[in-house]
Amino acid sequence: MSTIASLVIALVALLHLWFLVLEMFLWDKPAGRRAFGTTAEFAAQSKVLAANQGLYNGFLAAGLIWGLWLGDSGMPVKYFFLICVLIAGIYGGLTASRKILWIQALPAALGLVLLWL
C-alpha cells in the first residue's frame, strides 16, 4: 500500500473524528450550529440524535485507524470501512446535503482508488 493511500485513509479517519466532536460535543454550540446550518431550537431538540450519529462516525474512524495500524494485513479492514464511509456519504449527500458528497464520499472514494492501485 502506498504512503499516499495511507495518508488519505488517515485524513478520512481524522475527518470522522472531527464529525464525532461536532455531533457529540458541539452540536448545540455556535460552531456546531454553523457547521450544520441549524438553529438553536433545532439543535436543542436533536442533540441526542446528533450524539448518536457522532458515535457512529467515531466507530468509522476507529475502524480506519485499526486498518492502518494493521499495516498490509489490514487491507480488508480498510476496504470495509472506506466502503462504509462512501455509502454513508452518498446517502447523506442524496438525503441531507450535497456538501456531504464532497466532504465525506469523495475522500473515501479517493482512498478506495488509491488502496486499489
PDB file of N, CA and C in Angstrom:
ATOM      1  N   MET A   1       0.851  -1.183   0.000  1.00  0.00           N
ATOM      2  CA  MET A   1       0.000   0.000   0.000  1.00  0.00           C
ATOM      3  C   MET A   1       0.891   1.239   0.000  1.00  0.00           C
ATOM      4  N   SER A   2       0.491   2.215  -0.763  1.00  0.00           N
ATOM      5  CA  SER A   2       1.304   3.420  -0.890  1.00  0.00           C
ATOM      6  C   SER A   2       1.145   4.341   0.320  1.00  0.00           C
ATOM      7  N   THR A   3       2.136   5.176   0.482  1.00  0.00           N
ATOM      8  CA  THR A   3       2.099   6.174   1.544  1.00  0.00           C
ATOM      9  C   THR A   3       0.952   7.155   1.310  1.00  0.00           C
ATOM     10  N   ILE A   4       0.698   7.486   0.043  1.00  0.00           N
ATOM     11  CA  ILE A   4      -0.384   8.421  -0.274  1.00  0.00           C
ATOM     12  C   ILE A   4      -1.726   7.826   0.140  1.00  0.00           C
ATOM     13  N   ALA A   5      -1.939   6.531  -0.130  1.00  0.00           N
ATOM     14  CA  ALA A   5      -3.190   5.876   0.282  1.00  0.00           C
ATOM     15  C   ALA A   5      -3.333   5.930   1.801  1.00  0.00           C
ATOM     16  N   SER A   6      -2.253   5.653   2.513  1.00  0.00           N
ATOM     17  CA  SER A   6      -2.295   5.708   3.983  1.00  0.00           C
ATOM     18  C   SER A   6      -2.633   7.100   4.481  1.00  0.00           C
ATOM     19  N   LEU A   7      -2.064   8.113   3.839  1.00  0.00           N
ATOM     20  CA  LEU A   7      -2.342   9.494   4.241  1.00  0.00           C
ATOM     21  C   LEU A   7      -3.802   9.866   3.995  1.00  0.00           C
ATOM     22  N   VAL A   8      -4.357   9.432   2.872  1.00  0.00           N
ATOM     23  CA  VAL A   8      -5.761   9.730   2.579  1.00  0.00           C
ATOM     24  C   VAL A   8      -6.663   9.007   3.569  1.00  0.00           C
ATOM     25  N   ILE A   9      -6.346   7.749   3.879  1.00  0.00           N
ATOM     26  CA  ILE A   9      -7.139   6.993   4.855  1.00  0.00           C
ATOM     27  C   ILE A   9      -7.056   7.668   6.227  1.00  0.00           C
ATOM     28  N   ALA A  10      -5.864   8.129   6.599  1.00  0.00           N
ATOM     29  CA  ALA A  10      -5.706   8.838   7.872  1.00  0.00           C
ATOM     30  C   ALA A  10      -6.523  10.134   7.872  1.00  0.00           C
ATOM     31  N   LEU A  11      -6.555  10.832   6.739  1.00  0.00           N
ATOM     32  CA  LEU A  11      -7.354  12.053   6.621  1.00  0.00           C
ATOM     33  C   LEU A  11      -8.843  11.743   6.796  1.00  0.00           C
ATOM     34  N   VAL A  12      -9.321  10.662   6.170  1.00  0.00           N
ATOM     35  CA  VAL A  12     -10.724  10.268   6.315  1.00  0.00           C
ATOM     36  C   VAL A  12     -11.023   9.951   7.782  1.00  0.00           C
ATOM     37  N   ALA A  13     -10.103   9.255   8.445  1.00  0.00           N
ATOM     38  CA  ALA A  13     -10.285   8.939   9.866  1.00  0.00           C
ATOM     39  C   ALA A  13     -10.337  10.225  10.699  1.00  0.00           C
ATOM     40  N   LEU A  14      -9.441  11.156  10.426  1.00  0.00           N
ATOM     41  CA  LEU A  14      -9.431  12.426  11.168  1.00  0.00           C
ATOM     42  C   LEU A  14     -10.707  13.222  10.926  1.00  0.00           C
ATOM     43  N   LEU A  15     -11.188  13.217   9.686  1.00  0.00           N
ATOM     44  CA  LEU A  15     -12.460  13.886   9.398  1.00  0.00           C
ATOM     45  C   LEU A  15     -13.586  13.302  10.250  1.00  0.00           C
ATOM     46  N   HIS A  16     -13.604  11.980  10.367  1.00  0.00           N
ATOM     47  CA  HIS A  16     -14.677  11.351  11.134  1.00  0.00           C
ATOM     48  C   HIS A  16     -14.521  11.563  12.642  1.00  0.00           C
ATOM     49  N   LEU A  17     -13.292  11.717  13.097  1.00  0.00           N
ATOM     50  CA  LEU A  17     -13.108  12.111  14.500  1.00  0.00           C
ATOM     51  C   LEU A  17     -13.632  13.528  14.711  1.00  0.00           C
ATOM     52  N   TRP A  18     -13.410  14.411  13.726  1.00  0.00           N
ATOM     53  CA  TRP A  18     -13.924  15.776  13.815  1.00  0.00           C
ATOM     54  C   TRP A  18     -15.445  15.776  13.788  1.00  0.00           C
ATOM     55  N   PHE A  19     -16.038  14.921  12.924  1.00  0.00           N
ATOM     56  CA  PHE A  19     -17.502  14.811  12.896  1.00  0.00           C
ATOM     57  C   PHE A  19     -18.021  14.352  14.249  1.00  0.00           C
ATOM     58  N   LEU A  20     -17.309  13.420  14.885  1.00  0.00           N
ATOM     59  CA  LEU A  20     -17.690  12.956  16.228  1.00  0.00           C
ATOM     60  C   LEU A  20     -17.734  14.130  17.192  1.00  0.00           C
ATOM     61  N   VAL A  21     -16.681  14.942  17.191  1.00  0.00           N
ATOM     62  CA  VAL A  21     -16.619  16.091  18.098  1.00  0.00           C
ATOM     63  C   VAL A  21     -17.760  17.070  17.800  1.00  0.00           C
ATOM     64  N   LEU A  22     -17.961  17.374  16.521  1.00  0.00           N
ATOM     65  CA  LEU A  22     -19.028  18.306  16.150  1.00  0.00           C
ATOM     66  C   LEU A  22     -20.398  17.799  16.589  1.00  0.00           C
ATOM     67  N   GLU A  23     -20.664  16.519  16.358  1.00  0.00           N
ATOM     68  CA  GLU A  23     -22.002  15.987  16.616  1.00  0.00           C
ATOM     69  C   GLU A  23     -22.233  15.625  18.080  1.00  0.00           C
ATOM     70  N   MET A  24     -21.201  15.180  18.767  1.00  0.00           N
ATOM     71  CA  MET A  24     -21.393  14.764  20.162  1.00  0.00           C
ATOM     72  C   MET A  24     -21.222  15.905  21.158  1.00  0.00           C
ATOM     73  N   PHE A  25     -20.328  16.835  20.863  1.00  0.00           N
ATOM     74  CA  PHE A  25     -19.974  17.839  21.863  1.00  0.00           C
ATOM     75  C   PHE A  25     -20.274  19.286  21.457  1.00  0.00           C
ATOM     76  N   LEU A  26     -20.338  19.550  20.155  1.00  0.00           N
ATOM     77  CA  LEU A  26     -20.528  20.943  19.702  1.00  0.00           C
ATOM     78  C   LEU A  26     -21.850  21.159  18.975  1.00  0.00           C
ATOM     79  N   TRP A  27     -22.689  20.149  18.924  1.00  0.00           N
ATOM     80  CA  TRP A  27     -23.930  20.218  18.147  1.00  0.00           C
ATOM     81  C   TRP A  27     -24.768  21.462  18.447  1.00  0.00           C
ATOM     82  N   ASP A  28     -24.940  21.763  19.736  1.00  0.00           N
ATOM     83  CA  ASP A  28     -25.791  22.901  20.105  1.00  0.00           C
ATOM     84  C   ASP A  28     -24.985  24.160  20.431  1.00  0.00           C
ATOM     85  N   LYS A  29     -23.701  24.131  20.152  1.00  0.00           N
ATOM     86  CA  LYS A  29     -22.834  25.294  20.336  1.00  0.00           C
ATOM     87  C   LYS A  29     -22.755  26.053  19.007  1.00  0.00           C
ATOM     88  N   PRO A  30     -22.299  27.301  19.031  1.00  0.00           N
ATOM     89  CA  PRO A  30     -22.228  28.076  17.785  1.00  0.00           C
ATOM     90  C   PRO A  30     -21.435  27.381  16.668  1.00  0.00           C
ATOM     91  N   ALA A  31     -20.314  26.761  17.004  1.00  0.00           N
ATOM     92  CA  ALA A  31     -19.501  26.102  15.971  1.00  0.00           C
ATOM     93  C   ALA A  31     -20.262  24.944  15.324  1.00  0.00           C
ATOM     94  N   GLY A  32     -20.951  24.158  16.105  1.00  0.00           N
ATOM     95  CA  GLY A  32     -21.723  23.043  15.579  1.00  0.00           C
ATOM     96  C   GLY A  32     -22.912  23.509  14.760  1.00  0.00           C
ATOM     97  N   ARG A  33     -23.611  24.514  15.263  1.00  0.00           N
ATOM     98  CA  ARG A  33     -24.767  25.046  14.527  1.00  0.00           C
ATOM     99  C   ARG A  33     -24.337  25.674  13.208  1.00  0.00           C
ATOM    100  N   ARG A  34     -23.191  26.334  13.221  1.00  0.00           N
ATOM    101  CA  ARG A  34     -22.667  26.943  11.997  1.00  0.00           C
ATOM    102  C   ARG A  34     -22.270  25.852  10.986  1.00  0.00           C
ATOM    103  N   ALA A  35     -21.620  24.795  11.475  1.00  0.00           N
ATOM    104  CA  ALA A  35     -21.161  23.718  10.587  1.00  0.00           C
ATOM    105  C   ALA A  35     -22.323  23.024   9.891  1.00  0.00           C
ATOM    106  N   PHE A  36     -23.433  22.865  10.607  1.00  0.00           N
ATOM    107  CA  PHE A  36     -24.567  22.126  10.059  1.00  0.00           C
ATOM    108  C   PHE A  36     -25.729  23.026   9.654  1.00  0.00           C
ATOM    109  N   GLY A  37     -25.591  24.319   9.860  1.00  0.00           N
ATOM    110  CA  GLY A  37     -26.631  25.254   9.442  1.00  0.00           C
ATOM    111  C   GLY A  37     -27.945  25.072  10.177  1.00  0.00           C
ATOM    112  N   THR A  38     -27.864  24.823  11.487  1.00  0.00           N
ATOM    113  CA  THR A  38     -29.076  24.600  12.272  1.00  0.00           C
ATOM    114  C   THR A  38     -29.366  25.782  13.194  1.00  0.00           C
ATOM    115  N   THR A  39     -30.594  25.862  13.623  1.00  0.00           N
ATOM    116  CA  THR A  39     -30.988  26.889  14.596  1.00  0.00           C
ATOM    117  C   THR A  39     -30.734  26.347  16.004  1.00  0.00           C
ATOM    118  N   ALA A  40     -30.727  27.232  16.962  1.00  0.00           N
ATOM    119  CA  ALA A  40     -30.547  26.827  18.358  1.00  0.00           C
ATOM    120  C   ALA A  40     -31.676  25.895  18.793  1.00  0.00           C
ATOM    121  N   GLU A  41     -32.888  26.187  18.346  1.00  0.00           N
ATOM    122  CA  GLU A  41     -34.048  25.354  18.729  1.00  0.00           C
ATOM    123  C   GLU A  41     -33.921  23.944  18.157  1.00  0.00           C
ATOM    124  N   PHE A  42     -33.576  23.841  16.868  1.00  0.00           N
ATOM    125  CA  PHE A  42     -33.424  22.528  16.249  1.00  0.00           C
ATOM    126  C   PHE A  42     -32.289  21.750  16.916  1.00  0.00           C
ATOM    127  N   ALA A  43     -31.177  22.437  17.178  1.00  0.00           N
ATOM    128  CA  ALA A  43     -30.024  21.785  17.801  1.00  0.00           C
ATOM    129  C   ALA A  43     -30.391  21.235  19.178  1.00  0.00           C
ATOM    130  N   ALA A  44     -31.134  22.003  19.939  1.00  0.00           N
ATOM    131  CA  ALA A  44     -31.546  21.542  21.266  1.00  0.00           C
ATOM    132  C   ALA A  44     -32.459  20.317  21.166  1.00  0.00           C
ATOM    133  N   GLN A  45     -33.367  20.328  20.211  1.00  0.00           N
ATOM    134  CA  GLN A  45     -34.314  19.221  20.060  1.00  0.00           C
ATOM    135  C   GLN A  45     -33.657  17.955  19.514  1.00  0.00           C
ATOM    136  N   SER A  46     -32.602  18.098  18.739  1.00  0.00           N
ATOM    137  CA  SER A  46     -31.994  16.939  18.080  1.00  0.00           C
ATOM    138  C   SER A  46     -30.639  16.543  18.659  1.00  0.00           C
ATOM    139  N   LYS A  47     -30.287  17.104  19.806  1.00  0.00           N
ATOM    140  CA  LYS A  47     -28.961  16.882  20.388  1.00  0.00           C
ATOM    141  C   LYS A  47     -28.656  15.400  20.635  1.00  0.00           C
ATOM    142  N   VAL A  48     -29.613  14.654  21.146  1.00  0.00           N
ATOM    143  CA  VAL A  48     -29.388  13.231  21.440  1.00  0.00           C
ATOM    144  C   VAL A  48     -29.191  12.444  20.148  1.00  0.00           C
ATOM    145  N   LEU A  49     -29.976  12.754  19.126  1.00  0.00           N
ATOM    146  CA  LEU A  49     -29.821  12.078  17.838  1.00  0.00           C
ATOM    147  C   LEU A  49     -28.450  12.378  17.227  1.00  0.00           C
ATOM    148  N   ALA A  50     -28.019  13.626  17.316  1.00  0.00           N
ATOM    149  CA  ALA A  50     -26.720  14.013  16.772  1.00  0.00           C
ATOM    150  C   ALA A  50     -25.586  13.303  17.507  1.00  0.00           C
ATOM    151  N   ALA A  51     -25.714  13.172  18.816  1.00  0.00           N
ATOM    152  CA  ALA A  51     -24.678  12.476  19.588  1.00  0.00           C
ATOM    153  C   ALA A  51     -24.581  11.014  19.155  1.00  0.00           C
ATOM    154  N   ASN A  52     -25.705  10.395  18.898  1.00  0.00           N
ATOM    155  CA  ASN A  52     -25.715   9.015  18.427  1.00  0.00           C
ATOM    156  C   ASN A  52     -25.022   8.926  17.064  1.00  0.00           C
ATOM    157  N   GLN A  53     -25.323   9.851  16.196  1.00  0.00           N
ATOM    158  CA  GLN A  53     -24.689   9.903  14.879  1.00  0.00           C
ATOM    159  C   GLN A  53     -23.186  10.118  15.016  1.00  0.00           C
ATOM    160  N   GLY A  54     -22.789  10.971  15.937  1.00  0.00           N
ATOM    161  CA  GLY A  54     -21.377  11.215  16.178  1.00  0.00           C
ATOM    162  C   GLY A  54     -20.647   9.965  16.635  1.00  0.00           C
ATOM    163  N   LEU A  55     -21.316   9.173  17.469  1.00  0.00           N
ATOM    164  CA  LEU A  55     -20.715   7.931  17.935  1.00  0.00           C
ATOM    165  C   LEU A  55     -20.430   7.001  16.758  1.00  0.00           C
ATOM    166  N   TYR A  56     -21.359   6.909  15.818  1.00  0.00           N
ATOM    167  CA  TYR A  56     -21.146   6.076  14.631  1.00  0.00           C
ATOM    168  C   TYR A  56     -19.962   6.584  13.808  1.00  0.00           C
ATOM    169  N   ASN A  57     -19.826   7.892  13.700  1.00  0.00           N
ATOM    170  CA  ASN A  57     -18.658   8.438  12.999  1.00  0.00           C
ATOM    171  C   ASN A  57     -17.368   8.072  13.716  1.00  0.00           C
ATOM    172  N   GLY A  58     -17.419   8.022  15.038  1.00  0.00           N
ATOM    173  CA  GLY A  58     -16.252   7.581  15.804  1.00  0.00           C
ATOM    174  C   GLY A  58     -15.895   6.133  15.513  1.00  0.00           C
ATOM    175  N   PHE A  59     -16.913   5.291  15.348  1.00  0.00           N
ATOM    176  CA  PHE A  59     -16.655   3.885  15.006  1.00  0.00           C
ATOM    177  C   PHE A  59     -16.007   3.765  13.624  1.00  0.00           C
ATOM    178  N   LEU A  60     -16.456   4.592  12.679  1.00  0.00           N
ATOM    179  CA  LEU A  60     -15.828   4.582  11.353  1.00  0.00           C
ATOM    180  C   LEU A  60     -14.356   4.991  11.450  1.00  0.00           C
ATOM    181  N   ALA A  61     -14.084   6.030  12.218  1.00  0.00           N
ATOM    182  CA  ALA A  61     -12.694   6.467  12.408  1.00  0.00           C
ATOM    183  C   ALA A  61     -11.870   5.378  13.073  1.00  0.00           C
ATOM    184  N   ALA A  62     -12.429   4.743  14.096  1.00  0.00           N
ATOM    185  CA  ALA A  62     -11.705   3.672  14.796  1.00  0.00           C
ATOM    186  C   ALA A  62     -11.374   2.526  13.856  1.00  0.00           C
ATOM    187  N   GLY A  63     -12.311   2.166  12.995  1.00  0.00           N
ATOM    188  CA  GLY A  63     -12.068   1.088  12.039  1.00  0.00           C
ATOM    189  C   GLY A  63     -10.960   1.432  11.066  1.00  0.00           C
ATOM    190  N   LEU A  64     -10.953   2.660  10.575  1.00  0.00           N
ATOM    191  CA  LEU A  64      -9.897   3.080   9.652  1.00  0.00           C
ATOM    192  C   LEU A  64      -8.532   3.121  10.345  1.00  0.00           C
ATOM    193  N   ILE A  65      -8.503   3.604  11.567  1.00  0.00           N
ATOM    194  CA  ILE A  65      -7.248   3.645  12.326  1.00  0.00           C
ATOM    195  C   ILE A  65      -6.761   2.220  12.602  1.00  0.00           C
ATOM    196  N   TRP A  66      -7.674   1.329  12.941  1.00  0.00           N
ATOM    197  CA  TRP A  66      -7.335  -0.082  13.150  1.00  0.00           C
ATOM    198  C   TRP A  66      -6.714  -0.667  11.877  1.00  0.00           C
ATOM    199  N   GLY A  67      -7.350  -0.407  10.738  1.00  0.00           N
ATOM    200  CA  GLY A  67      -6.818  -0.907   9.470  1.00  0.00           C
ATOM    201  C   GLY A  67      -5.421  -0.380   9.196  1.00  0.00           C
ATOM    202  N   LEU A  68      -5.192   0.900   9.474  1.00  0.00           N
ATOM    203  CA  LEU A  68      -3.853   1.472   9.294  1.00  0.00           C
ATOM    204  C   LEU A  68      -2.855   0.829  10.246  1.00  0.00           C
ATOM    205  N   TRP A  69      -3.275   0.610  11.469  1.00  0.00           N
ATOM    206  CA  TRP A  69      -2.398   0.004  12.482  1.00  0.00           C
ATOM    207  C   TRP A  69      -1.993  -1.414  12.073  1.00  0.00           C
ATOM    208  N   LEU A  70      -2.885  -2.139  11.418  1.00  0.00           N
ATOM    209  CA  LEU A  70      -2.585  -3.499  10.984  1.00  0.00           C
ATOM    210  C   LEU A  70      -1.620  -3.552   9.803  1.00  0.00           C
ATOM    211  N   GLY A  71      -1.412  -2.412   9.152  1.00  0.00           N
ATOM    212  CA  GLY A  71      -0.496  -2.383   8.006  1.00  0.00           C
ATOM    213  C   GLY A  71      -1.086  -3.106   6.807  1.00  0.00           C
ATOM    214  N   ASP A  72      -0.229  -3.813   6.074  1.00  0.00           N
ATOM    215  CA  ASP A  72      -0.684  -4.506   4.866  1.00  0.00           C
ATOM    216  C   ASP A  72      -1.703  -5.599   5.165  1.00  0.00           C
ATOM    217  N   SER A  73      -1.625  -6.204   6.337  1.00  0.00           N
ATOM    218  CA  SER A  73      -2.608  -7.241   6.670  1.00  0.00           C
ATOM    219  C   SER A  73      -3.985  -6.657   6.987  1.00  0.00           C
ATOM    220  N   GLY A  74      -4.073  -5.333   7.107  1.00  0.00           N
ATOM    221  CA  GLY A  74      -5.343  -4.680   7.384  1.00  0.00           C
ATOM    222  C   GLY A  74      -6.084  -4.219   6.134  1.00  0.00           C
ATOM    223  N   MET A  75      -5.663  -4.682   4.972  1.00  0.00           N
ATOM    224  CA  MET A  75      -6.315  -4.262   3.721  1.00  0.00           C
ATOM    225  C   MET A  75      -7.823  -4.511   3.733  1.00  0.00           C
ATOM    226  N   PRO A  76      -8.291  -5.710   4.117  1.00  0.00           N
ATOM    227  CA  PRO A  76      -9.750  -5.918   4.124  1.00  0.00           C
ATOM    228  C   PRO A  76     -10.469  -4.962   5.082  1.00  0.00           C
ATOM    229  N   VAL A  77      -9.854  -4.639   6.196  1.00  0.00           N
ATOM    230  CA  VAL A  77     -10.446  -3.722   7.167  1.00  0.00           C
ATOM    231  C   VAL A  77     -10.554  -2.326   6.557  1.00  0.00           C
ATOM    232  N   LYS A  78      -9.497  -1.896   5.900  1.00  0.00           N
ATOM    233  CA  LYS A  78      -9.502  -0.566   5.260  1.00  0.00           C
ATOM    234  C   LYS A  78     -10.575  -0.497   4.177  1.00  0.00           C
ATOM    235  N   TYR A  79     -10.626  -1.532   3.335  1.00  0.00           N
ATOM    236  CA  TYR A  79     -11.659  -1.549   2.293  1.00  0.00           C
ATOM    237  C   TYR A  79     -13.057  -1.487   2.909  1.00  0.00           C
ATOM    238  N   PHE A  80     -13.297  -2.313   3.918  1.00  0.00           N
ATOM    239  CA  PHE A  80     -14.623  -2.366   4.534  1.00  0.00           C
ATOM    240  C   PHE A  80     -15.040  -0.997   5.073  1.00  0.00           C
ATOM    241  N   PHE A  81     -14.170  -0.361   5.854  1.00  0.00           N
ATOM    242  CA  PHE A  81     -14.553   0.904   6.478  1.00  0.00           C
ATOM    243  C   PHE A  81     -14.611   2.054   5.469  1.00  0.00           C
ATOM    244  N   LEU A  82     -13.756   2.038   4.460  1.00  0.00           N
ATOM    245  CA  LEU A  82     -13.865   3.064   3.419  1.00  0.00           C
ATOM    246  C   LEU A  82     -15.167   2.906   2.635  1.00  0.00           C
ATOM    247  N   ILE A  83     -15.574   1.671   2.374  1.00  0.00           N
ATOM    248  CA  ILE A  83     -16.849   1.438   1.687  1.00  0.00           C
ATOM    249  C   ILE A  83     -18.009   1.916   2.560  1.00  0.00           C
ATOM    250  N   CYS A  84     -17.934   1.659   3.862  1.00  0.00           N
ATOM    251  CA  CYS A  84     -18.972   2.157   4.782  1.00  0.00           C
ATOM    252  C   CYS A  84     -19.048   3.675   4.735  1.00  0.00           C
ATOM    253  N   VAL A  85     -17.901   4.333   4.768  1.00  0.00           N
ATOM    254  CA  VAL A  85     -17.867   5.801   4.713  1.00  0.00           C
ATOM    255  C   VAL A  85     -18.434   6.291   3.378  1.00  0.00           C
ATOM    256  N   LEU A  86     -18.055   5.633   2.293  1.00  0.00           N
ATOM    257  CA  LEU A  86     -18.544   6.028   0.976  1.00  0.00           C
ATOM    258  C   LEU A  86     -20.065   5.904   0.889  1.00  0.00           C
ATOM    259  N   ILE A  87     -20.601   4.792   1.345  1.00  0.00           N
ATOM    260  CA  ILE A  87     -22.056   4.593   1.311  1.00  0.00           C
ATOM    261  C   ILE A  87     -22.758   5.638   2.178  1.00  0.00           C
ATOM    262  N   ALA A  88     -22.232   5.877   3.377  1.00  0.00           N
ATOM    263  CA  ALA A  88     -22.827   6.893   4.252  1.00  0.00           C
ATOM    264  C   ALA A  88     -22.761   8.268   3.604  1.00  0.00           C
ATOM    265  N   GLY A  89     -21.648   8.580   2.941  1.00  0.00           N
ATOM    266  CA  GLY A  89     -21.501   9.870   2.282  1.00  0.00           C
ATOM    267  C   GLY A  89     -22.443  10.046   1.113  1.00  0.00           C
ATOM    268  N   ILE A  90     -22.620   8.989   0.330  1.00  0.00           N
ATOM    269  CA  ILE A  90     -23.562   9.056  -0.790  1.00  0.00           C
ATOM    270  C   ILE A  90     -24.983   9.223  -0.267  1.00  0.00           C
ATOM    271  N   TYR A  91     -25.342   8.437   0.726  1.00  0.00           N
ATOM    272  CA  TYR A  91     -26.687   8.531   1.295  1.00  0.00           C
ATOM    273  C   TYR A  91     -26.932   9.928   1.877  1.00  0.00           C
ATOM    274  N   GLY A  92     -25.971  10.423   2.646  1.00  0.00           N
ATOM    275  CA  GLY A  92     -26.105  11.767   3.220  1.00  0.00           C
ATOM    276  C   GLY A  92     -26.172  12.838   2.154  1.00  0.00           C
ATOM    277  N   GLY A  93     -25.385  12.665   1.093  1.00  0.00           N
ATOM    278  CA  GLY A  93     -25.395  13.629   0.009  1.00  0.00           C
ATOM    279  C   GLY A  93     -26.718  13.663  -0.744  1.00  0.00           C
ATOM    280  N   LEU A  94     -27.364  12.508  -0.827  1.00  0.00           N
ATOM    281  CA  LEU A  94     -28.653  12.439  -1.525  1.00  0.00           C
ATOM    282  C   LEU A  94     -29.830  12.847  -0.652  1.00  0.00           C
ATOM    283  N   THR A  95     -29.707  12.668   0.655  1.00  0.00           N
ATOM    284  CA  THR A  95     -30.852  12.900   1.536  1.00  0.00           C
ATOM    285  C   THR A  95     -30.734  14.143   2.416  1.00  0.00           C
ATOM    286  N   ALA A  96     -29.532  14.568   2.738  1.00  0.00           N
ATOM    287  CA  ALA A  96     -29.374  15.685   3.677  1.00  0.00           C
ATOM    288  C   ALA A  96     -28.781  16.924   3.010  1.00  0.00           C
ATOM    289  N   SER A  97     -27.574  16.790   2.456  1.00  0.00           N
ATOM    290  CA  SER A  97     -26.898  17.946   1.866  1.00  0.00           C
ATOM    291  C   SER A  97     -25.884  17.467   0.837  1.00  0.00           C
ATOM    292  N   ARG A  98     -25.889  18.082  -0.320  1.00  0.00           N
ATOM    293  CA  ARG A  98     -24.923  17.711  -1.372  1.00  0.00           C
ATOM    294  C   ARG A  98     -23.484  17.923  -0.906  1.00  0.00           C
ATOM    295  N   LYS A  99     -23.303  18.811   0.039  1.00  0.00           N
ATOM    296  CA  LYS A  99     -21.976  19.092   0.584  1.00  0.00           C
ATOM    297  C   LYS A  99     -21.320  17.817   1.132  1.00  0.00           C
ATOM    298  N   ILE A 100     -22.137  16.907   1.632  1.00  0.00           N
ATOM    299  CA  ILE A 100     -21.629  15.657   2.207  1.00  0.00           C
ATOM    300  C   ILE A 100     -20.927  14.807   1.147  1.00  0.00           C
ATOM    301  N   LEU A 101     -21.378  14.906  -0.102  1.00  0.00           N
ATOM    302  CA  LEU A 101     -20.713  14.172  -1.175  1.00  0.00           C
ATOM    303  C   LEU A 101     -19.242  14.581  -1.290  1.00  0.00           C
ATOM    304  N   TRP A 102     -18.975  15.866  -1.129  1.00  0.00           N
ATOM    305  CA  TRP A 102     -17.605  16.374  -1.271  1.00  0.00           C
ATOM    306  C   TRP A 102     -16.780  16.147  -0.008  1.00  0.00           C
ATOM    307  N   ILE A 103     -17.402  16.291   1.150  1.00  0.00           N
ATOM    308  CA  ILE A 103     -16.666  16.233   2.415  1.00  0.00           C
ATOM    309  C   ILE A 103     -16.450  14.800   2.897  1.00  0.00           C
ATOM    310  N   GLN A 104     -17.399  13.910   2.621  1.00  0.00           N
ATOM    311  CA  GLN A 104     -17.317  12.546   3.144  1.00  0.00           C
ATOM    312  C   GLN A 104     -17.121  11.516   2.037  1.00  0.00           C
ATOM    313  N   ALA A 105     -17.958  11.545   1.008  1.00  0.00           N
ATOM    314  CA  ALA A 105     -17.912  10.491  -0.010  1.00  0.00           C
ATOM    315  C   ALA A 105     -16.667  10.591  -0.895  1.00  0.00           C
ATOM    316  N   LEU A 106     -16.331  11.782  -1.346  1.00  0.00           N
ATOM    317  CA  LEU A 106     -15.183  11.932  -2.242  1.00  0.00           C
ATOM    318  C   LEU A 106     -13.864  11.488  -1.613  1.00  0.00           C
ATOM    319  N   PRO A 107     -13.539  11.909  -0.372  1.00  0.00           N
ATOM    320  CA  PRO A 107     -12.294  11.411   0.225  1.00  0.00           C
ATOM    321  C   PRO A 107     -12.281   9.886   0.381  1.00  0.00           C
ATOM    322  N   ALA A 108     -13.430   9.296   0.724  1.00  0.00           N
ATOM    323  CA  ALA A 108     -13.492   7.835   0.848  1.00  0.00           C
ATOM    324  C   ALA A 108     -13.270   7.169  -0.505  1.00  0.00           C
ATOM    325  N   ALA A 109     -13.887   7.718  -1.559  1.00  0.00           N
ATOM    326  CA  ALA A 109     -13.708   7.163  -2.903  1.00  0.00           C
ATOM    327  C   ALA A 109     -12.250   7.275  -3.340  1.00  0.00           C
ATOM    328  N   LEU A 110     -11.626   8.412  -3.058  1.00  0.00           N
ATOM    329  CA  LEU A 110     -10.217   8.596  -3.370  1.00  0.00           C
ATOM    330  C   LEU A 110      -9.366   7.570  -2.631  1.00  0.00           C
ATOM    331  N   GLY A 111      -9.658   7.365  -1.339  1.00  0.00           N
ATOM    332  CA  GLY A 111      -8.932   6.364  -0.552  1.00  0.00           C
ATOM    333  C   GLY A 111      -9.081   4.973  -1.143  1.00  0.00           C
ATOM    334  N   LEU A 112     -10.290   4.631  -1.575  1.00  0.00           N
ATOM    335  CA  LEU A 112     -10.522   3.314  -2.187  1.00  0.00           C
ATOM    336  C   LEU A 112      -9.719   3.148  -3.471  1.00  0.00           C
ATOM    337  N   VAL A 113      -9.731   4.175  -4.310  1.00  0.00           N
ATOM    338  CA  VAL A 113      -8.971   4.103  -5.564  1.00  0.00           C
ATOM    339  C   VAL A 113      -7.477   3.955  -5.281  1.00  0.00           C
ATOM    340  N   LEU A 114      -6.967   4.743  -4.363  1.00  0.00           N
ATOM    341  CA  LEU A 114      -5.538   4.660  -4.033  1.00  0.00           C
ATOM    342  C   LEU A 114      -5.177   3.330  -3.403  1.00  0.00           C
ATOM    343  N   LEU A 115      -6.077   2.783  -2.611  1.00  0.00           N
ATOM    344  CA  LEU A 115      -5.853   1.477  -1.991  1.00  0.00           C
ATOM    345  C   LEU A 115      -5.810   0.397  -3.067  1.00  0.00           C
ATOM    346  N   TRP A 116      -6.684   0.508  -4.033  1.00  0.00           N
ATOM    347  CA  TRP A 116      -6.768  -0.478  -5.118  1.00  0.00           C
ATOM    348  C   TRP A 116      -5.529  -0.434  -6.006  1.00  0.00           C
ATOM    349  N   LEU A 117      -4.992   0.801  -6.239  1.00  0.00           N
ATOM    350  CA  LEU A 117      -3.793   0.940  -7.072  1.00  0.00           C
ATOM    351  C   LEU A 117      -2.616   0.367  -6.332  1.00  0.00           C
TER     352      LEU A 117
END
